[in-house]
Full PDB file with SEQRES, HELIX, SHEET, SSBOND, CRYST1, ORIGX, SCALE, CONECT and MASTER records, all heavy atoms in Angstrom:
SEQRES   1 A   33  GLU ARG VAL ALA ARG GLN ASN GLY LEU SER VAL ILE LEU          
SEQRES   2 A   33  THR GLU SER GLY ASP ARG HIS SER PRO ALA PRO ASP TRP          
SEQRES   3 A   33  ILE LYS GLY VAL LEU GLN ARG                                  
HELIX    1 AA1 ARG A    2  GLN A    6  1                                   5    
HELIX    2 AA2 TRP A   26  GLN A   32  1                                   7    
CRYST1    1.000    1.000    1.000  90.00  90.00  90.00 P 1           1          
ORIGX1      1.000000  0.000000  0.000000        0.00000                         
ORIGX2      0.000000  1.000000  0.000000        0.00000                         
ORIGX3      0.000000  0.000000  1.000000        0.00000                         
SCALE1      1.000000  0.000000  0.000000        0.00000                         
SCALE2      0.000000  1.000000  0.000000        0.00000                         
SCALE3      0.000000  0.000000  1.000000        0.00000                         
ATOM      1  N   GLU A   1       0.824  -1.209   0.000  1.00  0.00           N  
ATOM      2  CA  GLU A   1       0.000   0.000   0.000  1.00  0.00           C  
ATOM      3  C   GLU A   1       0.862   1.264   0.000  1.00  0.00           C  
ATOM      4  O   GLU A   1       0.518   2.260  -0.641  1.00  0.00           O  
ATOM      5  CB  GLU A   1      -0.919  -0.024   1.226  1.00  0.00           C  
ATOM      6  CG  GLU A   1      -2.093   0.936   1.161  1.00  0.00           C  
ATOM      7  CD  GLU A   1      -1.714   2.354   1.570  1.00  0.00           C  
ATOM      8  OE1 GLU A   1      -0.776   2.510   2.378  1.00  0.00           O  
ATOM      9  OE2 GLU A   1      -2.362   3.302   1.077  1.00  0.00           O  
ATOM     10  N   ARG A   2       1.999   1.216   0.696  1.00  0.00           N  
ATOM     11  CA  ARG A   2       2.867   2.398   0.774  1.00  0.00           C  
ATOM     12  C   ARG A   2       3.397   2.795  -0.596  1.00  0.00           C  
ATOM     13  O   ARG A   2       3.338   3.961  -0.987  1.00  0.00           O  
ATOM     14  CB  ARG A   2       4.031   2.105   1.722  1.00  0.00           C  
ATOM     15  CG  ARG A   2       4.954   3.296   1.970  1.00  0.00           C  
ATOM     16  CD  ARG A   2       6.029   2.923   2.983  1.00  0.00           C  
ATOM     17  NE  ARG A   2       5.447   2.603   4.280  1.00  0.00           N  
ATOM     18  CZ  ARG A   2       6.141   2.076   5.293  1.00  0.00           C  
ATOM     19  NH1 ARG A   2       7.428   1.809   5.141  1.00  0.00           N  
ATOM     20  NH2 ARG A   2       5.548   1.837   6.449  1.00  0.00           N  
ATOM     21  N   VAL A   3       3.902   1.817  -1.362  1.00  0.00           N  
ATOM     22  CA  VAL A   3       4.431   2.123  -2.694  1.00  0.00           C  
ATOM     23  C   VAL A   3       3.299   2.453  -3.664  1.00  0.00           C  
ATOM     24  O   VAL A   3       3.436   3.344  -4.512  1.00  0.00           O  
ATOM     25  CB  VAL A   3       5.277   0.946  -3.218  1.00  0.00           C  
ATOM     26  CG1 VAL A   3       5.724   1.191  -4.664  1.00  0.00           C  
ATOM     27  CG2 VAL A   3       6.500   0.743  -2.325  1.00  0.00           C  
ATOM     28  N   ALA A   4       2.181   1.754  -3.541  1.00  0.00           N  
ATOM     29  CA  ALA A   4       1.038   2.058  -4.402  1.00  0.00           C  
ATOM     30  C   ALA A   4       0.581   3.500  -4.202  1.00  0.00           C  
ATOM     31  O   ALA A   4       0.329   4.229  -5.176  1.00  0.00           O  
ATOM     32  CB  ALA A   4      -0.110   1.093  -4.111  1.00  0.00           C  
ATOM     33  N   ARG A   5       0.486   3.924  -2.948  1.00  0.00           N  
ATOM     34  CA  ARG A   5       0.043   5.293  -2.651  1.00  0.00           C  
ATOM     35  C   ARG A   5       1.017   6.321  -3.221  1.00  0.00           C  
ATOM     36  O   ARG A   5       0.599   7.360  -3.745  1.00  0.00           O  
ATOM     37  CB  ARG A   5      -0.094   5.473  -1.136  1.00  0.00           C  
ATOM     38  CG  ARG A   5      -0.689   6.820  -0.730  1.00  0.00           C  
ATOM     39  CD  ARG A   5      -0.968   6.892   0.754  1.00  0.00           C  
ATOM     40  NE  ARG A   5       0.256   6.827   1.546  1.00  0.00           N  
ATOM     41  CZ  ARG A   5       0.629   5.796   2.280  1.00  0.00           C  
ATOM     42  NH1 ARG A   5      -0.122   4.714   2.332  1.00  0.00           N  
ATOM     43  NH2 ARG A   5       1.753   5.833   2.977  1.00  0.00           N  
ATOM     44  N   GLN A   6       2.316   6.036  -3.143  1.00  0.00           N  
ATOM     45  CA  GLN A   6       3.324   6.946  -3.705  1.00  0.00           C  
ATOM     46  C   GLN A   6       3.169   7.121  -5.211  1.00  0.00           C  
ATOM     47  O   GLN A   6       3.580   8.144  -5.767  1.00  0.00           O  
ATOM     48  CB  GLN A   6       4.723   6.426  -3.385  1.00  0.00           C  
ATOM     49  CG  GLN A   6       5.096   6.494  -1.909  1.00  0.00           C  
ATOM     50  CD  GLN A   6       6.375   5.731  -1.602  1.00  0.00           C  
ATOM     51  OE1 GLN A   6       6.953   5.060  -2.461  1.00  0.00           O  
ATOM     52  NE2 GLN A   6       6.840   5.825  -0.357  1.00  0.00           N  
ATOM     53  N   ASN A   7       2.588   6.118  -5.851  1.00  0.00           N  
ATOM     54  CA  ASN A   7       2.410   6.166  -7.299  1.00  0.00           C  
ATOM     55  C   ASN A   7       0.969   6.455  -7.717  1.00  0.00           C  
ATOM     56  O   ASN A   7       0.610   6.263  -8.877  1.00  0.00           O  
ATOM     57  CB  ASN A   7       2.866   4.836  -7.915  1.00  0.00           C  
ATOM     58  CG  ASN A   7       4.367   4.660  -7.895  1.00  0.00           C  
ATOM     59  OD1 ASN A   7       5.065   5.088  -8.808  1.00  0.00           O  
ATOM     60  ND2 ASN A   7       4.887   4.034  -6.840  1.00  0.00           N  
ATOM     61  N   GLY A   8       0.160   6.916  -6.760  1.00  0.00           N  
ATOM     62  CA  GLY A   8      -1.214   7.277  -7.075  1.00  0.00           C  
ATOM     63  C   GLY A   8      -2.101   6.090  -7.402  1.00  0.00           C  
ATOM     64  O   GLY A   8      -3.083   6.230  -8.144  1.00  0.00           O  
ATOM     65  N   LEU A   9      -1.796   4.927  -6.841  1.00  0.00           N  
ATOM     66  CA  LEU A   9      -2.528   3.703  -7.139  1.00  0.00           C  
ATOM     67  C   LEU A   9      -3.261   3.194  -5.905  1.00  0.00           C  
ATOM     68  O   LEU A   9      -2.968   3.603  -4.783  1.00  0.00           O  
ATOM     69  CB  LEU A   9      -1.561   2.624  -7.651  1.00  0.00           C  
ATOM     70  CG  LEU A   9      -0.703   3.003  -8.862  1.00  0.00           C  
ATOM     71  CD1 LEU A   9       0.325   1.910  -9.140  1.00  0.00           C  
ATOM     72  CD2 LEU A   9      -1.585   3.245 -10.082  1.00  0.00           C  
ATOM     73  N   SER A  10      -4.184   2.278  -6.125  1.00  0.00           N  
ATOM     74  CA  SER A  10      -4.927   1.640  -5.048  1.00  0.00           C  
ATOM     75  C   SER A  10      -4.602   0.151  -5.031  1.00  0.00           C  
ATOM     76  O   SER A  10      -4.131  -0.410  -6.019  1.00  0.00           O  
ATOM     77  CB  SER A  10      -6.433   1.841  -5.240  1.00  0.00           C  
ATOM     78  OG  SER A  10      -6.762   3.219  -5.238  1.00  0.00           O  
ATOM     79  N   VAL A  11      -4.887  -0.486  -3.886  1.00  0.00           N  
ATOM     80  CA  VAL A  11      -4.605  -1.907  -3.717  1.00  0.00           C  
ATOM     81  C   VAL A  11      -5.912  -2.658  -3.514  1.00  0.00           C  
ATOM     82  O   VAL A  11      -6.746  -2.246  -2.701  1.00  0.00           O  
ATOM     83  CB  VAL A  11      -3.673  -2.151  -2.506  1.00  0.00           C  
ATOM     84  CG1 VAL A  11      -3.410  -3.652  -2.333  1.00  0.00           C  
ATOM     85  CG2 VAL A  11      -2.360  -1.398  -2.686  1.00  0.00           C  
ATOM     86  N   ILE A  12      -6.083  -3.739  -4.250  1.00  0.00           N  
ATOM     87  CA  ILE A  12      -7.222  -4.621  -4.053  1.00  0.00           C  
ATOM     88  C   ILE A  12      -6.708  -5.941  -3.480  1.00  0.00           C  
ATOM     89  O   ILE A  12      -5.699  -6.479  -3.937  1.00  0.00           O  
ATOM     90  CB  ILE A  12      -7.989  -4.857  -5.379  1.00  0.00           C  
ATOM     91  CG1 ILE A  12      -9.190  -5.774  -5.136  1.00  0.00           C  
ATOM     92  CG2 ILE A  12      -7.080  -5.424  -6.461  1.00  0.00           C  
ATOM     93  CD1 ILE A  12     -10.105  -5.909  -6.335  1.00  0.00           C  
ATOM     94  N   LEU A  13      -7.363  -6.434  -2.423  1.00  0.00           N  
ATOM     95  CA  LEU A  13      -6.931  -7.649  -1.742  1.00  0.00           C  
ATOM     96  C   LEU A  13      -7.809  -8.818  -2.171  1.00  0.00           C  
ATOM     97  O   LEU A  13      -9.034  -8.695  -2.218  1.00  0.00           O  
ATOM     98  CB  LEU A  13      -7.016  -7.472  -0.228  1.00  0.00           C  
ATOM     99  CG  LEU A  13      -6.254  -6.295   0.365  1.00  0.00           C  
ATOM    100  CD1 LEU A  13      -6.472  -6.239   1.873  1.00  0.00           C  
ATOM    101  CD2 LEU A  13      -4.778  -6.392   0.046  1.00  0.00           C  
ATOM    102  N   THR A  14      -7.171  -9.945  -2.456  1.00  0.00           N  
ATOM    103  CA  THR A  14      -7.890 -11.149  -2.859  1.00  0.00           C  
ATOM    104  C   THR A  14      -7.388 -12.326  -2.041  1.00  0.00           C  
ATOM    105  O   THR A  14      -6.181 -12.494  -1.861  1.00  0.00           O  
ATOM    106  CB  THR A  14      -7.674 -11.445  -4.359  1.00  0.00           C  
ATOM    107  OG1 THR A  14      -8.139 -10.340  -5.133  1.00  0.00           O  
ATOM    108  CG2 THR A  14      -8.418 -12.707  -4.773  1.00  0.00           C  
ATOM    109  N   GLU A  15      -8.298 -13.132  -1.520  1.00  0.00           N  
ATOM    110  CA  GLU A  15      -7.953 -14.352  -0.797  1.00  0.00           C  
ATOM    111  C   GLU A  15      -8.327 -15.537  -1.674  1.00  0.00           C  
ATOM    112  O   GLU A  15      -9.476 -15.675  -2.093  1.00  0.00           O  
ATOM    113  CB  GLU A  15      -8.700 -14.410   0.534  1.00  0.00           C  
ATOM    114  CG  GLU A  15      -8.245 -15.533   1.448  1.00  0.00           C  
ATOM    115  CD  GLU A  15      -8.904 -15.430   2.819  1.00  0.00           C  
ATOM    116  OE1 GLU A  15     -10.157 -15.373   2.864  1.00  0.00           O  
ATOM    117  OE2 GLU A  15      -8.193 -15.391   3.829  1.00  0.00           O  
ATOM    118  N   SER A  16      -7.350 -16.401  -1.961  1.00  0.00           N  
ATOM    119  CA  SER A  16      -7.603 -17.491  -2.904  1.00  0.00           C  
ATOM    120  C   SER A  16      -6.572 -18.589  -2.732  1.00  0.00           C  
ATOM    121  O   SER A  16      -5.392 -18.323  -2.469  1.00  0.00           O  
ATOM    122  CB  SER A  16      -7.548 -16.955  -4.348  1.00  0.00           C  
ATOM    123  OG  SER A  16      -7.713 -17.983  -5.292  1.00  0.00           O  
ATOM    124  N   GLY A  17      -6.995 -19.835  -2.903  1.00  0.00           N  
ATOM    125  CA  GLY A  17      -6.081 -20.960  -2.965  1.00  0.00           C  
ATOM    126  C   GLY A  17      -5.436 -21.329  -1.641  1.00  0.00           C  
ATOM    127  O   GLY A  17      -5.922 -21.014  -0.561  1.00  0.00           O  
ATOM    128  N   ASP A  18      -4.293 -22.037  -1.752  1.00  0.00           N  
ATOM    129  CA  ASP A  18      -3.507 -22.406  -0.581  1.00  0.00           C  
ATOM    130  C   ASP A  18      -2.142 -21.757  -0.695  1.00  0.00           C  
ATOM    131  O   ASP A  18      -1.923 -20.898  -1.539  1.00  0.00           O  
ATOM    132  CB  ASP A  18      -3.384 -23.938  -0.460  1.00  0.00           C  
ATOM    133  CG  ASP A  18      -2.794 -24.580  -1.713  1.00  0.00           C  
ATOM    134  OD1 ASP A  18      -2.020 -23.909  -2.434  1.00  0.00           O  
ATOM    135  OD2 ASP A  18      -3.101 -25.750  -1.985  1.00  0.00           O  
ATOM    136  N   ARG A  19      -1.190 -22.160   0.166  1.00  0.00           N  
ATOM    137  CA  ARG A  19       0.099 -21.466   0.189  1.00  0.00           C  
ATOM    138  C   ARG A  19       0.934 -21.724  -1.063  1.00  0.00           C  
ATOM    139  O   ARG A  19       1.938 -21.054  -1.278  1.00  0.00           O  
ATOM    140  CB  ARG A  19       0.898 -21.863   1.422  1.00  0.00           C  
ATOM    141  CG  ARG A  19       1.213 -23.341   1.525  1.00  0.00           C  
ATOM    142  CD  ARG A  19       2.017 -23.621   2.781  1.00  0.00           C  
ATOM    143  NE  ARG A  19       2.228 -25.039   3.006  1.00  0.00           N  
ATOM    144  CZ  ARG A  19       1.470 -25.807   3.773  1.00  0.00           C  
ATOM    145  NH1 ARG A  19       0.448 -25.270   4.397  1.00  0.00           N  
ATOM    146  NH2 ARG A  19       1.722 -27.090   3.923  1.00  0.00           N  
ATOM    147  N   HIS A  20       0.535 -22.687  -1.898  1.00  0.00           N  
ATOM    148  CA  HIS A  20       1.317 -23.010  -3.084  1.00  0.00           C  
ATOM    149  C   HIS A  20       0.887 -22.214  -4.317  1.00  0.00           C  
ATOM    150  O   HIS A  20       1.725 -21.762  -5.099  1.00  0.00           O  
ATOM    151  CB  HIS A  20       1.241 -24.505  -3.373  1.00  0.00           C  
ATOM    152  CG  HIS A  20       1.846 -25.333  -2.285  1.00  0.00           C  
ATOM    153  ND1 HIS A  20       3.201 -25.328  -2.030  1.00  0.00           N  
ATOM    154  CD2 HIS A  20       1.285 -26.165  -1.377  1.00  0.00           C  
ATOM    155  CE1 HIS A  20       3.450 -26.132  -1.008  1.00  0.00           C  
ATOM    156  NE2 HIS A  20       2.308 -26.647  -0.591  1.00  0.00           N  
ATOM    157  N   SER A  21      -0.400 -22.022  -4.515  1.00  0.00           N  
ATOM    158  CA  SER A  21      -0.876 -21.309  -5.705  1.00  0.00           C  
ATOM    159  C   SER A  21      -2.314 -20.856  -5.489  1.00  0.00           C  
ATOM    160  O   SER A  21      -3.042 -21.432  -4.679  1.00  0.00           O  
ATOM    161  CB  SER A  21      -0.803 -22.214  -6.942  1.00  0.00           C  
ATOM    162  OG  SER A  21      -1.626 -23.354  -6.757  1.00  0.00           O  
ATOM    163  N   PRO A  22      -2.741 -19.809  -6.214  1.00  0.00           N  
ATOM    164  CA  PRO A  22      -4.136 -19.384  -6.104  1.00  0.00           C  
ATOM    165  C   PRO A  22      -5.063 -20.427  -6.701  1.00  0.00           C  
ATOM    166  O   PRO A  22      -4.654 -21.287  -7.476  1.00  0.00           O  
ATOM    167  CB  PRO A  22      -4.160 -18.071  -6.914  1.00  0.00           C  
ATOM    168  CG  PRO A  22      -3.006 -18.157  -7.841  1.00  0.00           C  
ATOM    169  CD  PRO A  22      -1.958 -18.962  -7.136  1.00  0.00           C  
ATOM    170  N   ALA A  23      -6.338 -20.340  -6.342  1.00  0.00           N  
ATOM    171  CA  ALA A  23      -7.335 -21.291  -6.844  1.00  0.00           C  
ATOM    172  C   ALA A  23      -7.491 -21.140  -8.356  1.00  0.00           C  
ATOM    173  O   ALA A  23      -7.260 -20.054  -8.911  1.00  0.00           O  
ATOM    174  CB  ALA A  23      -8.670 -21.055  -6.144  1.00  0.00           C  
ATOM    175  N   PRO A  24      -7.899 -22.200  -9.050  1.00  0.00           N  
ATOM    176  CA  PRO A  24      -8.010 -22.137 -10.515  1.00  0.00           C  
ATOM    177  C   PRO A  24      -8.925 -21.038 -11.023  1.00  0.00           C  
ATOM    178  O   PRO A  24      -8.679 -20.466 -12.090  1.00  0.00           O  
ATOM    179  CB  PRO A  24      -8.569 -23.533 -10.876  1.00  0.00           C  
ATOM    180  CG  PRO A  24      -8.118 -24.416  -9.768  1.00  0.00           C  
ATOM    181  CD  PRO A  24      -8.157 -23.559  -8.532  1.00  0.00           C  
ATOM    182  N   ASP A  25     -10.001 -20.720 -10.271  1.00  0.00           N  
ATOM    183  CA  ASP A  25     -10.942 -19.718 -10.756  1.00  0.00           C  
ATOM    184  C   ASP A  25     -10.478 -18.292 -10.508  1.00  0.00           C  
ATOM    185  O   ASP A  25     -11.119 -17.331 -10.941  1.00  0.00           O  
ATOM    186  CB  ASP A  25     -12.321 -19.935 -10.130  1.00  0.00           C  
ATOM    187  CG  ASP A  25     -12.299 -19.837  -8.604  1.00  0.00           C  
ATOM    188  OD1 ASP A  25     -11.195 -19.731  -8.020  1.00  0.00           O  
ATOM    189  OD2 ASP A  25     -13.385 -19.880  -7.990  1.00  0.00           O  
ATOM    190  N   TRP A  26      -9.339 -18.119  -9.825  1.00  0.00           N  
ATOM    191  CA  TRP A  26      -8.837 -16.778  -9.559  1.00  0.00           C  
ATOM    192  C   TRP A  26      -8.534 -16.027 -10.844  1.00  0.00           C  
ATOM    193  O   TRP A  26      -8.784 -14.831 -10.950  1.00  0.00           O  
ATOM    194  CB  TRP A  26      -7.572 -16.862  -8.700  1.00  0.00           C  
ATOM    195  CG  TRP A  26      -6.789 -15.584  -8.688  1.00  0.00           C  
ATOM    196  CD1 TRP A  26      -7.071 -14.443  -8.002  1.00  0.00           C  
ATOM    197  CD2 TRP A  26      -5.596 -15.303  -9.431  1.00  0.00           C  
ATOM    198  NE1 TRP A  26      -6.129 -13.467  -8.252  1.00  0.00           N  
ATOM    199  CE2 TRP A  26      -5.215 -13.982  -9.135  1.00  0.00           C  
ATOM    200  CE3 TRP A  26      -4.809 -16.051 -10.311  1.00  0.00           C  
ATOM    201  CZ2 TRP A  26      -4.078 -13.386  -9.693  1.00  0.00           C  
ATOM    202  CZ3 TRP A  26      -3.688 -15.467 -10.873  1.00  0.00           C  
ATOM    203  CH2 TRP A  26      -3.333 -14.145 -10.563  1.00  0.00           C  
ATOM    204  N   ILE A  27      -8.008 -16.721 -11.841  1.00  0.00           N  
ATOM    205  CA  ILE A  27      -7.552 -16.043 -13.056  1.00  0.00           C  
ATOM    206  C   ILE A  27      -8.690 -15.315 -13.760  1.00  0.00           C  
ATOM    207  O   ILE A  27      -8.497 -14.242 -14.332  1.00  0.00           O  
ATOM    208  CB  ILE A  27      -6.859 -17.040 -14.015  1.00  0.00           C  
ATOM    209  CG1 ILE A  27      -6.095 -16.291 -15.110  1.00  0.00           C  
ATOM    210  CG2 ILE A  27      -7.853 -18.019 -14.614  1.00  0.00           C  
ATOM    211  CD1 ILE A  27      -4.898 -15.544 -14.607  1.00  0.00           C  
ATOM    212  N   LYS A  28      -9.907 -15.882 -13.703  1.00  0.00           N  
ATOM    213  CA  LYS A  28     -11.033 -15.226 -14.367  1.00  0.00           C  
ATOM    214  C   LYS A  28     -11.291 -13.855 -13.760  1.00  0.00           C  
ATOM    215  O   LYS A  28     -11.489 -12.862 -14.477  1.00  0.00           O  
ATOM    216  CB  LYS A  28     -12.289 -16.097 -14.249  1.00  0.00           C  
ATOM    217  CG  LYS A  28     -13.517 -15.490 -14.911  1.00  0.00           C  
ATOM    218  CD  LYS A  28     -14.725 -16.408 -14.791  1.00  0.00           C  
ATOM    219  CE  LYS A  28     -15.953 -15.788 -15.441  1.00  0.00           C  
ATOM    220  NZ  LYS A  28     -17.156 -16.680 -15.314  1.00  0.00           N  
ATOM    221  N   GLY A  29     -11.248 -13.771 -12.444  1.00  0.00           N  
ATOM    222  CA  GLY A  29     -11.484 -12.492 -11.784  1.00  0.00           C  
ATOM    223  C   GLY A  29     -10.421 -11.465 -12.095  1.00  0.00           C  
ATOM    224  O   GLY A  29     -10.722 -10.298 -12.356  1.00  0.00           O  
ATOM    225  N   VAL A  30      -9.160 -11.889 -12.086  1.00  0.00           N  
ATOM    226  CA  VAL A  30      -8.085 -10.914 -12.328  1.00  0.00           C  
ATOM    227  C   VAL A  30      -8.112 -10.419 -13.770  1.00  0.00           C  
ATOM    228  O   VAL A  30      -7.831  -9.249 -14.042  1.00  0.00           O  
ATOM    229  CB  VAL A  30      -6.709 -11.497 -11.946  1.00  0.00           C  
ATOM    230  CG1 VAL A  30      -6.169 -12.447 -12.988  1.00  0.00           C  
ATOM    231  CG2 VAL A  30      -5.687 -10.379 -11.737  1.00  0.00           C  
ATOM    232  N   LEU A  31      -8.477 -11.279 -14.720  1.00  0.00           N  
ATOM    233  CA  LEU A  31      -8.557 -10.830 -16.109  1.00  0.00           C  
ATOM    234  C   LEU A  31      -9.716  -9.862 -16.305  1.00  0.00           C  
ATOM    235  O   LEU A  31      -9.650  -8.972 -17.151  1.00  0.00           O  
ATOM    236  CB  LEU A  31      -8.705 -12.030 -17.038  1.00  0.00           C  
ATOM    237  CG  LEU A  31      -7.535 -13.020 -17.061  1.00  0.00           C  
ATOM    238  CD1 LEU A  31      -7.748 -14.092 -18.117  1.00  0.00           C  
ATOM    239  CD2 LEU A  31      -6.206 -12.309 -17.274  1.00  0.00           C  
ATOM    240  N   GLN A  32     -10.766 -10.023 -15.522  1.00  0.00           N  
ATOM    241  CA  GLN A  32     -11.876  -9.072 -15.585  1.00  0.00           C  
ATOM    242  C   GLN A  32     -11.499  -7.737 -14.956  1.00  0.00           C  
ATOM    243  O   GLN A  32     -11.863  -6.672 -15.455  1.00  0.00           O  
ATOM    244  CB  GLN A  32     -13.105  -9.655 -14.892  1.00  0.00           C  
ATOM    245  CG  GLN A  32     -13.736 -10.826 -15.621  1.00  0.00           C  
ATOM    246  CD  GLN A  32     -14.841 -11.479 -14.825  1.00  0.00           C  
ATOM    247  OE1 GLN A  32     -14.916 -11.332 -13.594  1.00  0.00           O  
ATOM    248  NE2 GLN A  32     -15.709 -12.223 -15.495  1.00  0.00           N  
ATOM    249  N   ARG A  33     -10.735  -7.785 -13.855  1.00  0.00           N  
ATOM    250  CA  ARG A  33     -10.359  -6.550 -13.164  1.00  0.00           C  
ATOM    251  C   ARG A  33      -9.261  -5.785 -13.893  1.00  0.00           C  
ATOM    252  O   ARG A  33      -9.161  -4.572 -13.767  1.00  0.00           O  
ATOM    253  CB  ARG A  33      -9.922  -6.871 -11.728  1.00  0.00           C  
ATOM    254  CG  ARG A  33     -11.070  -7.335 -10.840  1.00  0.00           C  
ATOM    255  CD  ARG A  33     -10.630  -7.552  -9.405  1.00  0.00           C  
ATOM    256  NE  ARG A  33      -9.791  -8.732  -9.240  1.00  0.00           N  
ATOM    257  CZ  ARG A  33     -10.257  -9.957  -9.023  1.00  0.00           C  
ATOM    258  NH1 ARG A  33     -11.557 -10.173  -8.967  1.00  0.00           N  
ATOM    259  NH2 ARG A  33      -9.433 -10.981  -8.861  1.00  0.00           N  
TER     260      ARG A  33                                                      
MASTER        0    0    0    2    0    0    0    6  259    1    0    3          
END                                                                             
């Protein structure tokens, strides 16, 4: 958030998957966003 704010950006938080990789359906959401 600190670096994002310095660059005029916002941060979106997503919870997905386990400690190894995000869940398979995560990619659909990120491509939409």
